Protein backbone atom coordinates (compact mmCIF):
# COMPACT_ATOMS: atom_id res chain seq x y z
CA UNK A 1 -12.15 -14.23 17.67
CA UNK A 2 -13.69 -12.25 20.46
CA UNK A 3 -14.98 -8.84 19.46
CA UNK A 4 -13.38 -6.12 21.48
CA UNK A 5 -13.57 -2.36 21.37
CA UNK A 6 -10.25 -2.24 19.57
CA UNK A 7 -11.45 -4.66 16.90
CA UNK A 8 -14.58 -2.63 16.28
CA UNK A 9 -12.64 0.65 16.19
CA UNK A 10 -10.06 -0.84 13.85
CA UNK A 11 -12.75 -2.17 11.51
CA UNK A 12 -14.51 1.20 11.44
CA UNK A 13 -11.22 3.02 10.83
CA UNK A 14 -10.25 0.68 7.98
CA UNK A 15 -13.72 1.07 6.49
CA UNK A 16 -13.34 4.86 6.64
CA UNK A 17 -9.98 4.61 4.88
CA UNK A 18 -11.62 2.43 2.21
CA UNK A 19 -14.38 5.00 1.72
CA UNK A 20 -11.83 7.80 1.40
CA UNK A 21 -9.74 5.85 -1.12
CA UNK A 22 -12.81 4.93 -3.17
CA UNK A 23 -14.15 8.51 -2.95
CA UNK A 24 -17.68 7.19 -2.73
CA UNK A 25 -20.26 6.98 0.02
CA UNK A 26 -22.45 4.46 -1.80
CA UNK A 27 -23.92 1.62 0.21
CA UNK A 28 -21.98 -0.94 -1.81
CA UNK A 29 -18.70 0.85 -1.04
CA UNK A 30 -19.43 1.01 2.69
CA UNK A 31 -20.51 -2.65 2.85
CA UNK A 32 -17.53 -3.81 0.80
CA UNK A 33 -15.14 -1.80 2.97
CA UNK A 34 -16.66 -3.18 6.16
CA UNK A 35 -16.56 -6.80 4.94
CA UNK A 36 -12.98 -6.53 3.67
CA UNK A 37 -11.85 -4.75 6.84
CA UNK A 38 -13.48 -7.31 9.10
CA UNK A 39 -12.03 -10.14 7.01
CA UNK A 40 -8.53 -8.68 7.14
CA UNK A 41 -8.80 -8.18 10.88
CA UNK A 42 -10.03 -11.75 11.33
CA UNK A 43 -7.14 -13.15 9.28
CA UNK A 44 -4.63 -11.01 11.18
CA UNK A 45 -5.88 -12.35 14.49
CA UNK A 46 -5.81 -15.91 13.18
CA UNK A 47 -2.52 -15.94 11.31
CA UNK A 48 -0.20 -13.34 12.83
CA UNK A 49 1.84 -14.08 15.95
CA UNK A 50 0.36 -11.15 17.87
CA UNK A 51 1.91 -12.01 21.27
CA UNK A 52 5.37 -11.90 19.67
CA UNK A 53 4.53 -8.49 18.19
CA UNK A 54 3.76 -6.98 21.57
CA UNK A 55 7.08 -5.12 21.59
CA UNK A 56 6.14 -2.93 18.63
CA UNK A 57 7.66 0.55 18.72
CA UNK A 58 5.80 3.26 16.75
CA UNK A 59 8.99 5.36 16.74
CA UNK A 60 10.73 2.67 14.67
CA UNK A 61 7.88 2.75 12.15
CA UNK A 62 8.20 6.52 11.81
CA UNK A 63 11.97 6.26 11.44
CA UNK A 64 11.50 3.55 8.78
CA UNK A 65 9.19 5.91 6.88
CA UNK A 66 11.91 8.58 6.78
CA UNK A 67 14.50 5.95 5.80
CA UNK A 68 12.24 4.75 2.97
CA UNK A 69 11.68 8.28 1.67
CA UNK A 70 15.44 8.90 1.80
CA UNK A 71 16.12 5.74 -0.18
CA UNK A 72 13.58 6.81 -2.81
CA UNK A 73 15.37 10.15 -3.21
CA UNK A 74 18.77 8.44 -3.41
CA UNK A 75 17.53 6.06 -6.14
CA UNK A 76 15.93 8.97 -8.01
CA UNK A 77 19.16 10.96 -8.00
CA UNK A 78 21.03 7.84 -9.07
CA UNK A 79 18.65 7.42 -12.02
CA UNK A 80 19.10 11.10 -12.95
CA UNK A 81 22.89 10.65 -12.88
CA UNK A 82 22.65 7.61 -15.18
CA UNK A 83 20.35 9.48 -17.58
CA UNK A 84 22.64 12.50 -17.77
CA UNK A 85 25.93 10.66 -18.13
CA UNK A 86 25.71 7.04 -19.29
CA UNK A 87 22.36 6.76 -21.05
CA UNK A 88 22.28 5.84 -24.73
CA UNK A 89 18.91 6.67 -26.27
CA UNK A 90 17.72 5.01 -29.45
CA UNK A 91 14.38 4.69 -31.17
CA UNK A 92 13.54 1.06 -31.75
CA UNK A 93 10.78 -0.07 -34.07
CA UNK A 94 9.10 -3.31 -33.06
CA UNK A 95 6.64 -5.15 -35.29
CA UNK A 96 3.69 -6.61 -33.47
CA UNK A 97 0.56 -8.49 -34.49
CA UNK A 98 -1.67 -6.07 -32.59
CA UNK A 99 -4.23 -4.41 -34.87
CA UNK A 100 -4.66 -0.68 -34.57
CA UNK A 101 -2.66 2.51 -34.95
CA UNK A 102 0.97 2.00 -35.87
């Protein structure tokens, strides 16, 4: 894999996302984020058919995001409908061998 500007920028961006998700600026967090980001980028370049993915359209990704959010709302309203109309609620007591509070 030849290092390019895009690879370096992508690794730095992924490392920054890792730091934000971990909410820590410790050296171990930064090093772990950098190593994992570089490893993921290396595997993507080795295993993904990148020339076939050259016709990627960001608009489709954004539209898919809205489609996915819509589907989540539809399934949520479907679950609410089931709970309000067809749900049968019972309390079931299950004996277990786990020690502790019963």
